[in-house]
Structure formats: structure tokens, C-alpha cells
Amino acid sequence: MRYKTFKTVCDGITAFSLMVLFLPFFLFVSFILLIQNNGSPFFTQTRPGKHGKLFTIYKLKTMRDTRDDSGDLLPDNLRMTPLGKIIRKLSLDELPQLWNILKGEMSFVGPRPLLPEYLPLYSEEQQKRHLAKPGITGWAQVNGRNAISWKQKFEYDLWYIQHQSFILDIKILGMTLTKVFKTKDVNATGQITMEPFNGNN
């Protein structure tokens, strides 16, 4: 059995098992977020997957949709809910992506799925990050996550594409758990989310 096929099977079995295990916790947190956000506890967004095919990614919603008098969203740090801070710090907002894994759109390990508007901004080499399924975690995440530059992120993504293996995936998962418990590199320096990617120039 080829590794990619083996990985898909393992992803599916593990994702289903974790969904069953975390179901009570997931339902409880979703209910609290439903109240805090005055609406849906989920954040959905279109992202490019393998070969750039678009799919809908699911996350727990950690920020309210609060807007200013002009109708623009307030800064992230003003919209983050108290529970959202904890959920984001522990990376629990990624839990709904287990459903994306079951649907075959994502894997546990791979380059993170970014925004579709970035697609025309990539260099030919950077486009190769879409040769694998996007992951909940990846080589770039365990080597800096939001605390490193876009250039470094893409270099780590491409390195993973060239070297992916069972041993490497296990290493990345182990490093991810360590970083989650230590809550390291969750945010870019001085901000909650990463600055938008504006191209290579």
C-alpha cells in the first residue's frame, strides 16, 4: 500500500474516533459559543485544497462579528470572546476540521489551507504546496506558525511536500501536541492573526 493511501485510511479512522471521543465537549463548547457570538458557533470559509480545488473549511468561531459605525469589522483583539481566547490558545478552534478530514478534503498533516485570493500571488514553486492535501497542522506550524514570515512558511511547506513520510508526520504531530500544551507561536508578534499575504514583492 502506498503511503498516501495508507495516510488517507489512517486519517479517516483517527478523525472518526476523535469526533466520537470529543463529541460531549464539542457540543458543550458549541453551545457556549452560540451564546457568546449571538449566532452560529462555527466559522466557515472557502479555502483551496489539493490541486487548488476549493472547499469549505470549518472552525469554532472565536470572534464576534462586531462592526464600527462605518460597517467595518473591529480589530481582531476587540472581537475575540473570552472563551475564544482560550480555545484559540489551545488550538481547539481546529476541531471541526475533523469533518473536513472525513470528507477527504484535508489531512491531519499538510500545508495549512490559505485564502483563495492568494492563489494568483504564488510563484510557480510556491504553487507546489497544493500537491498535497492541506492539513490541520504542518511543518510550518511546528516551526513557528504565525510567528514566522510568509517566505519562511512557504519554504517549510515545500520542504514537507518533498520529504513527506509516515515518520515525518508522526514527528510533526508530536511537535504539535508539545506546542499546543506550551501555547507557543499561536499569534504573530503583536497581533492575533497573521498579516495578509500580498505577493512576493
N, C-alpha and C. Protein backbone atom coordinates (compact mmCIF):
# COMPACT_ATOMS: atom_id res chain seq x y z
N MET A 1 0.84 -1.20 0.00
CA MET A 1 0.00 0.00 0.00
C MET A 1 0.88 1.25 0.00
N ARG A 2 0.62 2.15 -0.92
CA ARG A 2 1.38 3.39 -0.97
C ARG A 2 1.09 4.23 0.27
N TYR A 3 2.09 5.05 0.64
CA TYR A 3 1.93 5.83 1.87
C TYR A 3 0.74 6.78 1.80
N LYS A 4 0.51 7.42 0.66
CA LYS A 4 -0.59 8.38 0.56
C LYS A 4 -1.93 7.69 0.80
N THR A 5 -2.08 6.45 0.29
CA THR A 5 -3.31 5.69 0.53
C THR A 5 -3.41 5.30 1.99
N PHE A 6 -2.30 4.84 2.55
CA PHE A 6 -2.26 4.48 3.97
C PHE A 6 -2.60 5.68 4.84
N LYS A 7 -2.07 6.84 4.47
CA LYS A 7 -2.31 8.07 5.23
C LYS A 7 -3.78 8.45 5.20
N THR A 8 -4.43 8.32 4.04
CA THR A 8 -5.85 8.64 3.91
C THR A 8 -6.70 7.74 4.80
N VAL A 9 -6.37 6.45 4.82
CA VAL A 9 -7.11 5.49 5.66
C VAL A 9 -6.92 5.83 7.13
N CYS A 10 -5.68 6.09 7.54
CA CYS A 10 -5.39 6.43 8.94
C CYS A 10 -6.08 7.74 9.33
N ASP A 11 -6.07 8.70 8.43
CA ASP A 11 -6.74 9.98 8.69
C ASP A 11 -8.22 9.76 8.98
N GLY A 12 -8.87 8.98 8.15
CA GLY A 12 -10.30 8.75 8.29
C GLY A 12 -10.65 8.05 9.60
N ILE A 13 -9.91 6.99 9.92
CA ILE A 13 -10.17 6.23 11.15
C ILE A 13 -9.92 7.09 12.38
N THR A 14 -8.82 7.83 12.37
CA THR A 14 -8.47 8.67 13.52
C THR A 14 -9.46 9.83 13.68
N ALA A 15 -9.84 10.45 12.58
CA ALA A 15 -10.79 11.57 12.64
C ALA A 15 -12.13 11.12 13.20
N PHE A 16 -12.61 9.98 12.74
CA PHE A 16 -13.89 9.47 13.24
C PHE A 16 -13.81 9.15 14.74
N SER A 17 -12.71 8.54 15.15
CA SER A 17 -12.53 8.18 16.56
C SER A 17 -12.49 9.42 17.45
N LEU A 18 -11.79 10.45 16.99
CA LEU A 18 -11.68 11.69 17.77
C LEU A 18 -13.01 12.44 17.83
N MET A 19 -13.78 12.38 16.74
CA MET A 19 -15.09 13.03 16.74
C MET A 19 -16.01 12.39 17.78
N VAL A 20 -15.97 11.09 17.88
CA VAL A 20 -16.79 10.38 18.87
C VAL A 20 -16.30 10.72 20.27
N LEU A 21 -14.98 10.72 20.47
CA LEU A 21 -14.39 10.97 21.78
C LEU A 21 -14.70 12.39 22.28
N PHE A 22 -14.59 13.37 21.39
CA PHE A 22 -14.76 14.77 21.79
C PHE A 22 -16.18 15.29 21.63
N LEU A 23 -17.12 14.43 21.24
CA LEU A 23 -18.48 14.90 20.97
C LEU A 23 -19.13 15.64 22.15
N PRO A 24 -19.09 15.10 23.38
CA PRO A 24 -19.70 15.84 24.51
C PRO A 24 -19.06 17.21 24.72
N PHE A 25 -17.72 17.27 24.68
CA PHE A 25 -17.01 18.53 24.84
C PHE A 25 -17.36 19.49 23.71
N PHE A 26 -17.40 18.97 22.49
CA PHE A 26 -17.69 19.78 21.32
C PHE A 26 -19.07 20.40 21.41
N LEU A 27 -20.06 19.62 21.83
CA LEU A 27 -21.43 20.13 21.95
C LEU A 27 -21.52 21.20 23.03
N PHE A 28 -20.83 20.99 24.15
CA PHE A 28 -20.84 21.95 25.25
C PHE A 28 -20.22 23.29 24.81
N VAL A 29 -19.04 23.23 24.21
CA VAL A 29 -18.35 24.44 23.76
C VAL A 29 -19.15 25.15 22.68
N SER A 30 -19.75 24.39 21.77
CA SER A 30 -20.55 24.99 20.70
C SER A 30 -21.74 25.76 21.27
N PHE A 31 -22.34 25.22 22.31
CA PHE A 31 -23.49 25.89 22.95
C PHE A 31 -23.05 27.22 23.58
N ILE A 32 -21.91 27.21 24.27
CA ILE A 32 -21.41 28.45 24.90
C ILE A 32 -21.07 29.48 23.82
N LEU A 33 -20.42 29.04 22.74
CA LEU A 33 -20.07 29.97 21.66
C LEU A 33 -21.31 30.51 20.96
N LEU A 34 -22.34 29.70 20.88
CA LEU A 34 -23.60 30.13 20.28
C LEU A 34 -24.15 31.34 21.04
N ILE A 35 -24.02 31.30 22.36
CA ILE A 35 -24.50 32.40 23.20
C ILE A 35 -23.56 33.61 23.09
N GLN A 36 -22.27 33.37 23.21
CA GLN A 36 -21.30 34.48 23.18
C GLN A 36 -21.29 35.21 21.84
N ASN A 37 -21.48 34.48 20.75
CA ASN A 37 -21.41 35.08 19.42
C ASN A 37 -22.75 35.58 18.91
N ASN A 38 -23.79 35.39 19.71
CA ASN A 38 -25.14 35.80 19.29
C ASN A 38 -25.52 35.21 17.94
N GLY A 39 -25.17 33.98 17.74
CA GLY A 39 -25.45 33.34 16.46
C GLY A 39 -24.73 32.02 16.34
N SER A 40 -24.20 31.73 15.15
CA SER A 40 -23.56 30.45 14.88
C SER A 40 -22.26 30.28 15.67
N PRO A 41 -22.03 29.08 16.22
CA PRO A 41 -20.76 28.81 16.90
C PRO A 41 -19.64 28.45 15.93
N PHE A 42 -19.97 28.41 14.63
CA PHE A 42 -18.99 27.97 13.64
C PHE A 42 -18.57 29.09 12.69
N PHE A 43 -17.31 29.02 12.31
CA PHE A 43 -16.76 29.92 11.30
C PHE A 43 -16.49 29.08 10.07
N THR A 44 -17.03 29.47 8.93
CA THR A 44 -16.80 28.74 7.68
C THR A 44 -16.18 29.68 6.65
N GLN A 45 -15.34 29.11 5.82
CA GLN A 45 -14.66 29.92 4.81
C GLN A 45 -14.20 29.03 3.67
N THR A 46 -14.19 29.56 2.48
CA THR A 46 -13.71 28.82 1.31
C THR A 46 -12.19 28.84 1.29
N ARG A 47 -11.60 27.67 1.12
CA ARG A 47 -10.14 27.55 1.04
C ARG A 47 -9.77 26.62 -0.12
N PRO A 48 -8.58 26.80 -0.71
CA PRO A 48 -8.12 25.87 -1.74
C PRO A 48 -7.48 24.63 -1.12
N GLY A 49 -7.83 23.48 -1.65
CA GLY A 49 -7.27 22.22 -1.17
C GLY A 49 -6.25 21.67 -2.14
N LYS A 50 -6.19 20.35 -2.23
CA LYS A 50 -5.24 19.70 -3.13
C LYS A 50 -5.53 20.11 -4.57
N HIS A 51 -4.46 20.45 -5.29
CA HIS A 51 -4.54 20.93 -6.68
C HIS A 51 -5.36 22.21 -6.79
N GLY A 52 -5.51 22.94 -5.68
CA GLY A 52 -6.22 24.21 -5.71
C GLY A 52 -7.73 24.09 -5.72
N LYS A 53 -8.27 22.88 -5.58
CA LYS A 53 -9.73 22.70 -5.57
C LYS A 53 -10.32 23.34 -4.32
N LEU A 54 -11.35 24.17 -4.50
CA LEU A 54 -11.94 24.90 -3.39
C LEU A 54 -12.87 24.01 -2.55
N PHE A 55 -12.83 24.22 -1.24
CA PHE A 55 -13.73 23.52 -0.33
C PHE A 55 -14.05 24.44 0.84
N THR A 56 -15.02 24.06 1.65
CA THR A 56 -15.41 24.87 2.81
C THR A 56 -14.75 24.33 4.06
N ILE A 57 -13.98 25.17 4.73
CA ILE A 57 -13.30 24.77 5.96
C ILE A 57 -14.17 25.18 7.15
N TYR A 58 -14.12 24.36 8.21
CA TYR A 58 -14.92 24.62 9.41
C TYR A 58 -14.02 24.85 10.62
N LYS A 59 -14.38 25.85 11.41
CA LYS A 59 -13.68 26.13 12.66
C LYS A 59 -14.68 26.56 13.71
N LEU A 60 -14.29 26.47 14.98
CA LEU A 60 -15.11 27.08 16.03
C LEU A 60 -14.91 28.59 15.95
N LYS A 61 -15.98 29.32 16.09
CA LYS A 61 -15.93 30.76 15.94
C LYS A 61 -15.45 31.41 17.22
N THR A 62 -14.29 32.03 17.17
CA THR A 62 -13.68 32.61 18.38
C THR A 62 -13.85 34.12 18.46
N MET A 63 -14.42 34.74 17.40
CA MET A 63 -14.59 36.20 17.39
C MET A 63 -16.01 36.58 17.01
N ARG A 64 -16.52 37.63 17.63
CA ARG A 64 -17.83 38.16 17.26
C ARG A 64 -17.72 38.95 15.95
N ASP A 65 -18.87 39.20 15.33
CA ASP A 65 -18.90 39.98 14.09
C ASP A 65 -19.20 41.45 14.38
N THR A 66 -18.58 42.00 15.41
CA THR A 66 -18.83 43.37 15.82
C THR A 66 -18.22 44.35 14.82
N ARG A 67 -19.02 45.36 14.42
CA ARG A 67 -18.58 46.33 13.42
C ARG A 67 -18.63 47.76 13.97
N ASP A 68 -17.88 48.65 13.34
CA ASP A 68 -17.89 50.06 13.75
C ASP A 68 -19.05 50.79 13.07
N ASP A 69 -19.12 52.09 13.24
CA ASP A 69 -20.21 52.89 12.68
C ASP A 69 -20.22 52.89 11.16
N SER A 70 -19.07 52.58 10.55
CA SER A 70 -18.98 52.54 9.09
C SER A 70 -19.33 51.17 8.52
N GLY A 71 -19.58 50.23 9.41
CA GLY A 71 -19.91 48.87 8.96
C GLY A 71 -18.71 47.97 8.79
N ASP A 72 -17.52 48.45 9.17
CA ASP A 72 -16.31 47.63 9.06
C ASP A 72 -16.09 46.84 10.34
N LEU A 73 -15.55 45.63 10.19
CA LEU A 73 -15.27 44.80 11.36
C LEU A 73 -14.24 45.47 12.25
N LEU A 74 -14.46 45.39 13.56
CA LEU A 74 -13.49 45.92 14.51
C LEU A 74 -12.22 45.07 14.48
N PRO A 75 -11.09 45.58 15.00
CA PRO A 75 -9.86 44.77 15.06
C PRO A 75 -10.09 43.44 15.78
N ASP A 76 -9.30 42.44 15.39
CA ASP A 76 -9.48 41.09 15.93
C ASP A 76 -9.45 41.05 17.46
N ASN A 77 -8.54 41.82 18.07
CA ASN A 77 -8.40 41.75 19.53
C ASN A 77 -9.63 42.30 20.25
N LEU A 78 -10.42 43.14 19.57
CA LEU A 78 -11.64 43.68 20.18
C LEU A 78 -12.84 42.76 19.95
N ARG A 79 -12.73 41.85 19.00
CA ARG A 79 -13.84 40.94 18.69
C ARG A 79 -13.69 39.57 19.33
N MET A 80 -12.49 39.27 19.81
CA MET A 80 -12.23 37.97 20.41
C MET A 80 -13.04 37.80 21.70
N THR A 81 -13.77 36.68 21.82
CA THR A 81 -14.55 36.42 23.02
C THR A 81 -13.65 35.83 24.10
N PRO A 82 -14.06 35.91 25.38
CA PRO A 82 -13.24 35.33 26.47
C PRO A 82 -12.97 33.85 26.25
N LEU A 83 -14.01 33.09 25.90
CA LEU A 83 -13.82 31.66 25.64
C LEU A 83 -13.01 31.46 24.38
N GLY A 84 -13.20 32.36 23.41
CA GLY A 84 -12.45 32.26 22.16
C GLY A 84 -10.96 32.35 22.36
N LYS A 85 -10.51 33.19 23.31
CA LYS A 85 -9.09 33.31 23.61
C LYS A 85 -8.51 31.98 24.08
N ILE A 86 -9.26 31.31 24.94
CA ILE A 86 -8.80 30.02 25.47
C ILE A 86 -8.79 28.97 24.36
N ILE A 87 -9.87 28.93 23.59
CA ILE A 87 -9.99 27.95 22.51
C ILE A 87 -8.87 28.12 21.49
N ARG A 88 -8.60 29.37 21.14
CA ARG A 88 -7.55 29.64 20.15
C ARG A 88 -6.18 29.32 20.70
N LYS A 89 -5.96 29.63 21.98
CA LYS A 89 -4.67 29.38 22.60
C LYS A 89 -4.34 27.89 22.61
N LEU A 90 -5.38 27.06 22.77
CA LEU A 90 -5.20 25.61 22.81
C LEU A 90 -5.43 24.96 21.45
N SER A 91 -5.66 25.80 20.42
CA SER A 91 -5.90 25.32 19.05
C SER A 91 -7.14 24.45 18.93
N LEU A 92 -8.08 24.59 19.87
CA LEU A 92 -9.30 23.80 19.83
C LEU A 92 -10.26 24.28 18.76
N ASP A 93 -10.01 25.49 18.23
CA ASP A 93 -10.87 26.00 17.15
C ASP A 93 -10.75 25.16 15.89
N GLU A 94 -9.71 24.32 15.82
CA GLU A 94 -9.49 23.47 14.65
C GLU A 94 -10.31 22.17 14.68
N LEU A 95 -10.94 21.85 15.81
CA LEU A 95 -11.64 20.58 15.96
C LEU A 95 -12.66 20.28 14.84
N PRO A 96 -13.48 21.25 14.42
CA PRO A 96 -14.45 20.94 13.35
C PRO A 96 -13.82 20.47 12.05
N GLN A 97 -12.52 20.69 11.88
CA GLN A 97 -11.86 20.25 10.66
C GLN A 97 -11.72 18.73 10.59
N LEU A 98 -12.06 18.06 11.69
CA LEU A 98 -12.13 16.59 11.63
C LEU A 98 -13.16 16.17 10.59
N TRP A 99 -14.21 16.97 10.43
CA TRP A 99 -15.22 16.70 9.41
C TRP A 99 -14.63 16.88 8.02
N ASN A 100 -13.76 17.88 7.84
CA ASN A 100 -13.09 18.06 6.55
C ASN A 100 -12.21 16.86 6.23
N ILE A 101 -11.59 16.28 7.26
CA ILE A 101 -10.76 15.09 7.05
C ILE A 101 -11.61 13.91 6.64
N LEU A 102 -12.74 13.72 7.31
CA LEU A 102 -13.64 12.62 6.96
C LEU A 102 -14.15 12.75 5.53
N LYS A 103 -14.33 13.97 5.07
CA LYS A 103 -14.81 14.21 3.70
C LYS A 103 -13.69 14.06 2.67
N GLY A 104 -12.46 13.85 3.13
CA GLY A 104 -11.34 13.67 2.22
C GLY A 104 -10.76 14.97 1.69
N GLU A 105 -11.15 16.10 2.30
CA GLU A 105 -10.67 17.40 1.83
C GLU A 105 -9.37 17.82 2.49
N MET A 106 -9.11 17.27 3.69
CA MET A 106 -7.94 17.63 4.45
C MET A 106 -7.27 16.39 5.04
N SER A 107 -6.11 16.61 5.60
CA SER A 107 -5.38 15.57 6.32
C SER A 107 -4.99 16.14 7.68
N PHE A 108 -4.51 15.29 8.58
CA PHE A 108 -4.03 15.80 9.86
C PHE A 108 -2.76 16.61 9.65
N VAL A 109 -1.92 16.18 8.70
CA VAL A 109 -0.65 16.85 8.46
C VAL A 109 -0.54 17.25 6.99
N GLY A 110 -0.17 18.51 6.78
CA GLY A 110 0.00 19.02 5.43
C GLY A 110 0.10 20.54 5.49
N PRO A 111 0.36 21.20 4.38
CA PRO A 111 0.39 22.66 4.38
C PRO A 111 -0.97 23.22 4.78
N ARG A 112 -1.00 24.25 5.59
CA ARG A 112 -2.27 24.84 6.01
C ARG A 112 -3.00 25.43 4.81
N PRO A 113 -4.33 25.24 4.72
CA PRO A 113 -5.08 25.84 3.61
C PRO A 113 -5.23 27.34 3.82
N LEU A 114 -4.79 28.12 2.86
CA LEU A 114 -4.82 29.57 2.97
C LEU A 114 -6.02 30.13 2.19
N LEU A 115 -6.04 31.41 1.94
CA LEU A 115 -7.18 32.04 1.27
C LEU A 115 -7.09 31.88 -0.25
N PRO A 116 -8.22 31.72 -0.93
CA PRO A 116 -8.20 31.54 -2.39
C PRO A 116 -7.65 32.74 -3.14
N GLU A 117 -7.78 33.95 -2.55
CA GLU A 117 -7.25 35.13 -3.23
C GLU A 117 -5.73 35.15 -3.28
N TYR A 118 -5.08 34.26 -2.53
CA TYR A 118 -3.61 34.17 -2.58
C TYR A 118 -3.13 33.37 -3.79
N LEU A 119 -4.00 32.56 -4.37
CA LEU A 119 -3.59 31.65 -5.44
C LEU A 119 -2.82 32.33 -6.58
N PRO A 120 -3.31 33.46 -7.11
CA PRO A 120 -2.56 34.09 -8.21
C PRO A 120 -1.30 34.82 -7.76
N LEU A 121 -1.09 34.92 -6.45
CA LEU A 121 0.08 35.63 -5.92
C LEU A 121 1.29 34.71 -5.72
N TYR A 122 1.06 33.40 -5.74
CA TYR A 122 2.16 32.46 -5.51
C TYR A 122 3.10 32.41 -6.71
N SER A 123 4.35 32.14 -6.44
CA SER A 123 5.30 31.84 -7.52
C SER A 123 5.00 30.42 -8.00
N GLU A 124 5.61 30.06 -9.11
CA GLU A 124 5.41 28.70 -9.65
C GLU A 124 5.84 27.65 -8.63
N GLU A 125 6.92 27.93 -7.91
CA GLU A 125 7.41 26.99 -6.90
C GLU A 125 6.44 26.91 -5.72
N GLN A 126 5.94 28.05 -5.29
CA GLN A 126 5.03 28.08 -4.14
C GLN A 126 3.70 27.37 -4.43
N GLN A 127 3.31 27.33 -5.71
CA GLN A 127 2.09 26.64 -6.09
C GLN A 127 2.15 25.15 -5.75
N LYS A 128 3.37 24.61 -5.62
CA LYS A 128 3.55 23.18 -5.37
C LYS A 128 3.06 22.77 -3.98
N ARG A 129 2.78 23.77 -3.10
CA ARG A 129 2.25 23.43 -1.78
C ARG A 129 0.88 22.78 -1.90
N HIS A 130 0.25 22.90 -3.08
CA HIS A 130 -1.07 22.30 -3.31
C HIS A 130 -0.97 20.90 -3.91
N LEU A 131 0.23 20.33 -3.93
CA LEU A 131 0.38 18.96 -4.42
C LEU A 131 -0.05 17.93 -3.38
N ALA A 132 -0.24 18.39 -2.14
CA ALA A 132 -0.71 17.51 -1.07
C ALA A 132 -1.99 18.09 -0.47
N LYS A 133 -2.74 17.25 0.21
CA LYS A 133 -3.92 17.75 0.91
C LYS A 133 -3.48 18.74 1.99
N PRO A 134 -4.25 19.78 2.22
CA PRO A 134 -3.92 20.69 3.32
C PRO A 134 -4.12 19.98 4.65
N GLY A 135 -3.44 20.45 5.69
CA GLY A 135 -3.50 19.78 6.98
C GLY A 135 -3.96 20.68 8.11
N ILE A 136 -4.39 20.06 9.20
CA ILE A 136 -4.72 20.80 10.42
C ILE A 136 -3.43 21.36 11.01
N THR A 137 -2.36 20.59 10.90
CA THR A 137 -1.04 21.06 11.31
C THR A 137 -0.05 20.73 10.21
N GLY A 138 1.14 21.29 10.31
CA GLY A 138 2.12 21.04 9.26
C GLY A 138 3.52 21.44 9.71
N TRP A 139 4.47 21.27 8.81
CA TRP A 139 5.87 21.55 9.12
C TRP A 139 6.07 23.03 9.44
N ALA A 140 5.35 23.91 8.74
CA ALA A 140 5.46 25.34 9.03
C ALA A 140 4.87 25.67 10.40
N GLN A 141 3.79 24.98 10.78
CA GLN A 141 3.14 25.25 12.06
C GLN A 141 4.05 24.89 13.24
N VAL A 142 4.77 23.80 13.13
CA VAL A 142 5.62 23.39 14.26
C VAL A 142 6.97 24.10 14.23
N ASN A 143 7.21 24.89 13.18
CA ASN A 143 8.45 25.65 13.09
C ASN A 143 8.22 27.16 13.14
N GLY A 144 7.16 27.55 13.83
CA GLY A 144 6.94 28.98 14.01
C GLY A 144 5.52 29.44 13.87
N ARG A 145 4.70 28.69 13.10
CA ARG A 145 3.29 29.02 12.94
C ARG A 145 3.10 30.48 12.52
N ASN A 146 2.35 31.28 13.29
CA ASN A 146 2.09 32.67 12.92
C ASN A 146 3.23 33.62 13.27
N ALA A 147 4.29 33.10 13.89
CA ALA A 147 5.40 33.95 14.33
C ALA A 147 6.51 34.06 13.29
N ILE A 148 6.35 33.42 12.12
CA ILE A 148 7.37 33.48 11.08
C ILE A 148 6.82 34.20 9.85
N SER A 149 7.70 34.55 8.93
CA SER A 149 7.30 35.29 7.73
C SER A 149 6.62 34.35 6.73
N TRP A 150 5.92 34.97 5.77
CA TRP A 150 5.29 34.18 4.71
C TRP A 150 6.35 33.41 3.92
N LYS A 151 7.47 34.04 3.64
CA LYS A 151 8.54 33.38 2.88
C LYS A 151 9.00 32.10 3.59
N GLN A 152 9.17 32.19 4.91
CA GLN A 152 9.59 31.02 5.69
C GLN A 152 8.50 29.95 5.69
N LYS A 153 7.24 30.37 5.82
CA LYS A 153 6.13 29.42 5.79
C LYS A 153 6.15 28.59 4.51
N PHE A 154 6.26 29.27 3.39
CA PHE A 154 6.23 28.58 2.10
C PHE A 154 7.44 27.66 1.93
N GLU A 155 8.58 28.08 2.42
CA GLU A 155 9.77 27.23 2.34
C GLU A 155 9.56 25.95 3.14
N TYR A 156 8.97 26.07 4.32
CA TYR A 156 8.68 24.89 5.14
C TYR A 156 7.64 24.00 4.45
N ASP A 157 6.61 24.61 3.85
CA ASP A 157 5.58 23.84 3.15
C ASP A 157 6.18 23.02 2.01
N LEU A 158 7.05 23.66 1.23
CA LEU A 158 7.65 22.99 0.08
C LEU A 158 8.61 21.89 0.53
N TRP A 159 9.30 22.14 1.64
CA TRP A 159 10.19 21.11 2.18
C TRP A 159 9.37 19.88 2.57
N TYR A 160 8.21 20.12 3.18
CA TYR A 160 7.35 18.99 3.57
C TYR A 160 6.87 18.21 2.34
N ILE A 161 6.46 18.92 1.30
CA ILE A 161 5.99 18.26 0.08
C ILE A 161 7.04 17.31 -0.46
N GLN A 162 8.30 17.71 -0.37
CA GLN A 162 9.39 16.92 -0.92
C GLN A 162 9.81 15.77 -0.01
N HIS A 163 9.51 15.86 1.29
CA HIS A 163 10.02 14.87 2.23
C HIS A 163 8.94 14.13 3.02
N GLN A 164 7.67 14.29 2.67
CA GLN A 164 6.61 13.69 3.47
C GLN A 164 6.75 12.18 3.58
N SER A 165 6.54 11.71 4.81
CA SER A 165 6.64 10.29 5.11
C SER A 165 5.90 10.02 6.41
N PHE A 166 5.70 8.78 6.72
CA PHE A 166 5.00 8.40 7.96
C PHE A 166 5.76 8.90 9.18
N ILE A 167 7.07 8.70 9.18
CA ILE A 167 7.89 9.12 10.32
C ILE A 167 7.83 10.63 10.50
N LEU A 168 7.91 11.36 9.39
CA LEU A 168 7.85 12.82 9.48
C LEU A 168 6.49 13.28 10.01
N ASP A 169 5.43 12.65 9.55
CA ASP A 169 4.09 13.03 10.01
C ASP A 169 3.93 12.78 11.51
N ILE A 170 4.44 11.66 11.98
CA ILE A 170 4.38 11.35 13.42
C ILE A 170 5.18 12.39 14.20
N LYS A 171 6.33 12.78 13.68
CA LYS A 171 7.17 13.79 14.33
C LYS A 171 6.41 15.12 14.42
N ILE A 172 5.75 15.51 13.32
CA ILE A 172 5.01 16.78 13.28
C ILE A 172 3.85 16.75 14.27
N LEU A 173 3.14 15.63 14.34
CA LEU A 173 2.03 15.52 15.28
C LEU A 173 2.52 15.62 16.72
N GLY A 174 3.65 14.98 17.00
CA GLY A 174 4.23 15.06 18.35
C GLY A 174 4.65 16.47 18.70
N MET A 175 5.30 17.15 17.75
CA MET A 175 5.73 18.53 17.98
C MET A 175 4.52 19.46 18.14
N THR A 176 3.44 19.15 17.40
CA THR A 176 2.23 19.96 17.50
C THR A 176 1.63 19.87 18.90
N LEU A 177 1.54 18.66 19.43
CA LEU A 177 0.99 18.49 20.78
C LEU A 177 1.83 19.23 21.81
N THR A 178 3.14 19.18 21.64
CA THR A 178 4.04 19.90 22.56
C THR A 178 3.78 21.40 22.51
N LYS A 179 3.64 21.94 21.29
CA LYS A 179 3.41 23.38 21.14
C LYS A 179 2.04 23.78 21.67
N VAL A 180 1.04 22.91 21.49
CA VAL A 180 -0.30 23.22 21.99
C VAL A 180 -0.27 23.33 23.51
N PHE A 181 0.38 22.37 24.16
CA PHE A 181 0.45 22.39 25.63
C PHE A 181 1.26 23.58 26.14
N LYS A 182 2.26 24.00 25.35
CA LYS A 182 3.08 25.14 25.75
C LYS A 182 2.50 26.46 25.22
N THR A 183 1.43 26.35 24.37
CA THR A 183 0.77 27.51 23.72
C THR A 183 1.80 28.44 23.09
N LYS A 184 2.72 27.87 22.31
CA LYS A 184 3.77 28.67 21.67
C LYS A 184 3.38 29.03 20.24
N ASP A 185 3.80 30.23 19.80
CA ASP A 185 3.72 30.67 18.41
C ASP A 185 2.30 30.70 17.85
N VAL A 186 1.30 30.89 18.74
CA VAL A 186 -0.09 30.94 18.27
C VAL A 186 -0.34 32.19 17.46
N ASN A 187 0.19 33.32 17.91
CA ASN A 187 -0.06 34.59 17.25
C ASN A 187 1.21 35.17 16.64
N ALA A 188 1.02 35.94 15.58
CA ALA A 188 2.14 36.72 15.05
C ALA A 188 2.48 37.78 16.08
N THR A 189 3.72 38.24 16.07
CA THR A 189 4.18 39.20 17.06
C THR A 189 3.29 40.44 17.08
N GLY A 190 2.68 40.71 18.26
CA GLY A 190 1.89 41.92 18.43
C GLY A 190 0.49 41.88 17.86
N GLN A 191 0.05 40.74 17.35
CA GLN A 191 -1.28 40.66 16.78
C GLN A 191 -1.83 39.26 16.91
N ILE A 192 -3.17 39.14 16.70
CA ILE A 192 -3.83 37.86 16.88
C ILE A 192 -3.73 36.99 15.63
N THR A 193 -3.91 37.61 14.46
CA THR A 193 -3.84 36.86 13.22
C THR A 193 -2.66 37.33 12.39
N MET A 194 -2.28 36.47 11.41
CA MET A 194 -1.15 36.78 10.54
C MET A 194 -1.50 37.90 9.56
N GLU A 195 -0.54 38.75 9.22
CA GLU A 195 -0.74 39.76 8.21
C GLU A 195 -1.10 39.07 6.88
N PRO A 196 -1.96 39.70 6.04
CA PRO A 196 -2.30 39.10 4.75
C PRO A 196 -1.07 38.93 3.88
N PHE A 197 -1.10 37.91 3.02
CA PHE A 197 -0.03 37.70 2.04
C PHE A 197 -0.31 38.59 0.84
N ASN A 198 0.65 39.44 0.48
CA ASN A 198 0.46 40.41 -0.60
C ASN A 198 1.35 40.12 -1.80
N GLY A 199 1.87 38.90 -1.88
CA GLY A 199 2.73 38.56 -3.01
C GLY A 199 4.19 38.55 -2.62
N ASN A 200 5.04 38.21 -3.56
CA ASN A 200 6.46 38.04 -3.28
C ASN A 200 7.30 39.30 -3.45
N ASN A 201 6.66 40.40 -3.81
CA ASN A 201 7.41 41.63 -3.99
C ASN A 201 7.20 42.59 -2.82
